[in-house]
Amino acid sequence: RMHMLERMFLDKARPFYKSATPVPLSPITPEEWGLFIEETFRAGGITVSPETCSEIMGKTMGHPYYTQSLCRRLWIDAVVRKSERIGKAEVEAGMNQILTDEHNYFYRDWTDLTNLQRVFLKNVAEWGGKELYTMDFIHGSGLTAGQIQAASEALIENGILEEKESESAVSDPFFK
């Protein structure tokens, strides 16, 4: 939903125009996340292996909010179970719990989409977001180039899809 913030501060017609300076932040690398997660859990007496950290990153795509959310869930579950170790099974259980907890948000976002947007989004999730206008994607998705463009533009405008380095991706890693 970055575009909303950008408009708020970069659009001359908005009251907060130029009241903040945009500062681009580079993503936190999986290595940095892994070290942070391992050290933080270790300080609390809980072991998280590098493989488990990779599993967490695979689920959250390194997105700060979701990484913290999943780790918080894992921490709470480990403390409640009095566990000293978190592995792949715990990551899966934590993810399932978060998806259950967040179901209403995802359901609302999904039902707000048009059928065309849903079909397009499913295909982006399945095929990946590169080369959306190739014949392979067009034939595989069953959509026309015009439908792809319309759905893509609407989903970007609504903050569901984002473009990074000529690739479209679902903004919310848990919405996939």
Protein backbone atom coordinates (compact mmCIF):
# COMPACT_ATOMS: atom_id res chain seq x y z
CA ARG A 1 0.00 0.00 0.00
CA MET A 2 3.04 2.14 -0.52
CA HIS A 3 1.39 4.09 -3.32
CA MET A 4 -1.07 5.62 -0.82
CA LEU A 5 1.79 6.99 1.26
CA GLU A 6 3.61 8.20 -1.82
CA ARG A 7 0.55 10.15 -2.96
CA MET A 8 0.04 11.61 0.51
CA PHE A 9 3.52 13.16 0.55
CA LEU A 10 4.38 13.57 -3.15
CA ASP A 11 1.11 14.81 -4.67
CA LYS A 12 0.98 18.63 -4.85
CA ALA A 13 -2.78 18.56 -4.29
CA ARG A 14 -2.46 16.77 -0.92
CA PRO A 15 -2.20 18.63 2.39
CA PHE A 16 0.94 16.73 3.48
CA TYR A 17 2.83 17.45 0.25
CA LYS A 18 6.58 17.62 0.98
CA SER A 19 6.03 17.33 4.74
CA ALA A 20 8.20 14.21 4.77
CA THR A 21 11.28 13.15 2.89
CA PRO A 22 11.07 9.77 1.18
CA VAL A 23 13.86 7.49 2.31
CA PRO A 24 14.15 4.29 0.32
CA LEU A 25 15.04 1.33 2.50
CA SER A 26 16.78 -1.68 1.10
CA PRO A 27 15.35 -5.07 2.03
CA ILE A 28 16.73 -6.93 5.01
CA THR A 29 18.73 -9.85 3.64
CA PRO A 30 17.84 -13.43 4.61
CA GLU A 31 21.27 -13.70 6.23
CA GLU A 32 20.63 -10.64 8.42
CA TRP A 33 17.19 -11.94 9.35
CA GLY A 34 18.59 -15.38 10.12
CA LEU A 35 21.23 -14.03 12.47
CA PHE A 36 18.72 -11.75 14.19
CA ILE A 37 16.18 -14.55 14.64
CA GLU A 38 18.74 -17.07 15.89
CA GLU A 39 20.28 -14.60 18.36
CA THR A 40 16.94 -13.32 19.65
CA PHE A 41 15.53 -16.78 20.26
CA ARG A 42 18.85 -18.01 21.72
CA ALA A 43 18.80 -15.11 24.23
CA GLY A 44 15.47 -16.53 25.45
CA GLY A 45 16.77 -20.08 25.67
CA ILE A 46 15.16 -21.32 22.45
CA THR A 47 17.13 -22.86 19.59
CA VAL A 48 16.27 -22.02 15.99
CA SER A 49 18.47 -23.63 13.35
CA PRO A 50 19.61 -21.86 10.15
CA GLU A 51 17.35 -24.26 8.24
CA THR A 52 14.36 -23.17 10.33
CA CYS A 53 15.28 -19.53 9.69
CA SER A 54 15.28 -20.31 5.96
CA GLU A 55 11.84 -21.89 6.36
CA ILE A 56 10.59 -18.73 8.08
CA MET A 57 12.03 -16.57 5.27
CA GLY A 58 10.40 -18.80 2.69
CA LYS A 59 7.03 -18.19 4.31
CA THR A 60 7.40 -14.45 4.89
CA MET A 61 9.56 -13.55 1.88
CA GLY A 62 11.58 -11.43 4.32
CA HIS A 63 8.72 -8.97 4.76
CA PRO A 64 9.41 -7.29 8.13
CA TYR A 65 5.84 -7.27 9.45
CA TYR A 66 5.19 -10.90 8.55
CA THR A 67 8.59 -12.11 9.70
CA GLN A 68 8.04 -10.47 13.07
CA SER A 69 4.47 -11.75 13.23
CA LEU A 70 5.47 -15.35 12.52
CA CYS A 71 8.40 -15.18 14.94
CA ARG A 72 6.17 -13.71 17.64
CA ARG A 73 3.73 -16.60 17.12
CA LEU A 74 6.59 -19.11 17.28
CA TRP A 75 7.95 -17.48 20.44
CA ILE A 76 4.56 -17.52 22.20
CA ASP A 77 3.93 -21.15 21.21
CA ALA A 78 7.40 -22.20 22.41
CA VAL A 79 6.96 -20.45 25.76
CA VAL A 80 3.50 -21.96 26.27
CA ARG A 81 4.79 -25.47 25.38
CA LYS A 82 7.97 -24.89 27.40
CA SER A 83 9.90 -25.92 24.30
CA GLU A 84 13.59 -25.21 23.82
CA ARG A 85 13.59 -25.78 20.05
CA ILE A 86 11.64 -24.55 17.03
CA GLY A 87 11.68 -26.59 13.83
CA LYS A 88 9.83 -26.92 10.54
CA ALA A 89 6.71 -28.44 12.16
CA GLU A 90 6.41 -25.48 14.52
CA VAL A 91 6.82 -23.03 11.62
CA GLU A 92 4.00 -24.78 9.73
CA ALA A 93 1.77 -24.75 12.81
CA GLY A 94 2.56 -21.08 13.43
CA MET A 95 1.75 -20.19 9.82
CA ASN A 96 -1.53 -22.10 9.97
CA GLN A 97 -2.48 -20.27 13.16
CA ILE A 98 -1.69 -16.86 11.65
CA LEU A 99 -3.68 -17.68 8.51
CA THR A 100 -6.61 -18.74 10.68
CA ASP A 101 -6.34 -15.58 12.77
CA GLU A 102 -6.09 -13.35 9.68
CA HIS A 103 -8.75 -15.19 7.66
CA ASN A 104 -11.28 -12.36 7.82
CA TYR A 105 -8.81 -9.85 6.38
CA PHE A 106 -7.84 -12.15 3.53
CA TYR A 107 -11.47 -13.06 2.86
CA ARG A 108 -12.44 -9.38 2.67
CA ASP A 109 -9.58 -8.61 0.28
CA TRP A 110 -10.41 -11.65 -1.86
CA THR A 111 -14.14 -10.94 -2.08
CA ASP A 112 -13.45 -7.31 -3.01
CA LEU A 113 -11.70 -8.49 -6.18
CA THR A 114 -13.48 -8.95 -9.48
CA ASN A 115 -13.52 -12.41 -11.05
CA LEU A 116 -10.99 -11.21 -13.64
CA GLN A 117 -8.65 -9.97 -10.90
CA ARG A 118 -8.97 -13.28 -9.04
CA VAL A 119 -8.14 -15.32 -12.13
CA PHE A 120 -5.18 -13.07 -12.92
CA LEU A 121 -3.91 -13.15 -9.32
CA LYS A 122 -4.12 -16.96 -9.16
CA ASN A 123 -2.09 -17.16 -12.36
CA VAL A 124 0.55 -14.72 -11.09
CA ALA A 125 0.87 -16.82 -7.93
CA GLU A 126 1.12 -20.02 -9.98
CA TRP A 127 3.29 -18.86 -12.89
CA GLY A 128 5.26 -16.12 -11.19
CA GLY A 129 5.10 -12.48 -12.12
CA LYS A 130 7.63 -12.34 -14.94
CA GLU A 131 6.74 -12.17 -18.59
CA LEU A 132 3.02 -11.64 -18.08
CA TYR A 133 2.47 -10.79 -21.73
CA THR A 134 4.16 -13.84 -23.23
CA MET A 135 2.10 -16.30 -25.21
CA ASP A 136 2.80 -18.99 -22.60
CA PHE A 137 1.26 -16.87 -19.83
CA ILE A 138 -1.63 -15.68 -22.01
CA HIS A 139 -2.51 -19.22 -23.14
CA GLY A 140 -1.92 -20.75 -19.72
CA SER A 141 -4.02 -18.16 -17.91
CA GLY A 142 -6.78 -18.01 -20.51
CA LEU A 143 -6.68 -14.22 -20.35
CA THR A 144 -6.15 -11.70 -23.12
CA ALA A 145 -3.36 -9.11 -23.03
CA GLY A 146 -6.01 -6.42 -22.39
CA GLN A 147 -7.45 -8.36 -19.45
CA ILE A 148 -3.98 -8.89 -18.03
CA GLN A 149 -3.23 -5.18 -18.27
CA ALA A 150 -6.57 -4.14 -16.72
CA ALA A 151 -6.31 -6.62 -13.85
CA SER A 152 -2.66 -5.78 -13.21
CA GLU A 153 -3.30 -2.02 -13.10
CA ALA A 154 -6.28 -2.41 -10.75
CA LEU A 155 -4.41 -4.74 -8.40
CA ILE A 156 -1.41 -2.40 -8.28
CA GLU A 157 -3.69 0.55 -7.59
CA ASN A 158 -5.32 -1.39 -4.72
CA GLY A 159 -1.96 -2.41 -3.25
CA ILE A 160 -2.53 -6.14 -3.79
CA LEU A 161 0.15 -6.42 -6.48
CA GLU A 162 3.43 -4.58 -6.78
CA GLU A 163 5.99 -4.30 -9.50
CA LYS A 164 9.67 -4.74 -8.68
CA GLU A 165 12.32 -4.81 -11.35
CA SER A 166 9.88 -5.67 -14.17
CA GLU A 167 8.28 -8.44 -12.11
CA SER A 168 4.82 -8.42 -10.58
CA ALA A 169 4.38 -9.97 -7.15
CA VAL A 170 1.62 -10.29 -4.58
CA SER A 171 2.36 -7.58 -2.00
CA ASP A 172 1.27 -9.64 0.98
CA PRO A 173 3.23 -12.90 1.25
CA PHE A 174 0.47 -14.47 3.36
CA PHE A 175 -2.25 -13.55 0.84
CA LYS A 176 -0.68 -15.92 -1.71
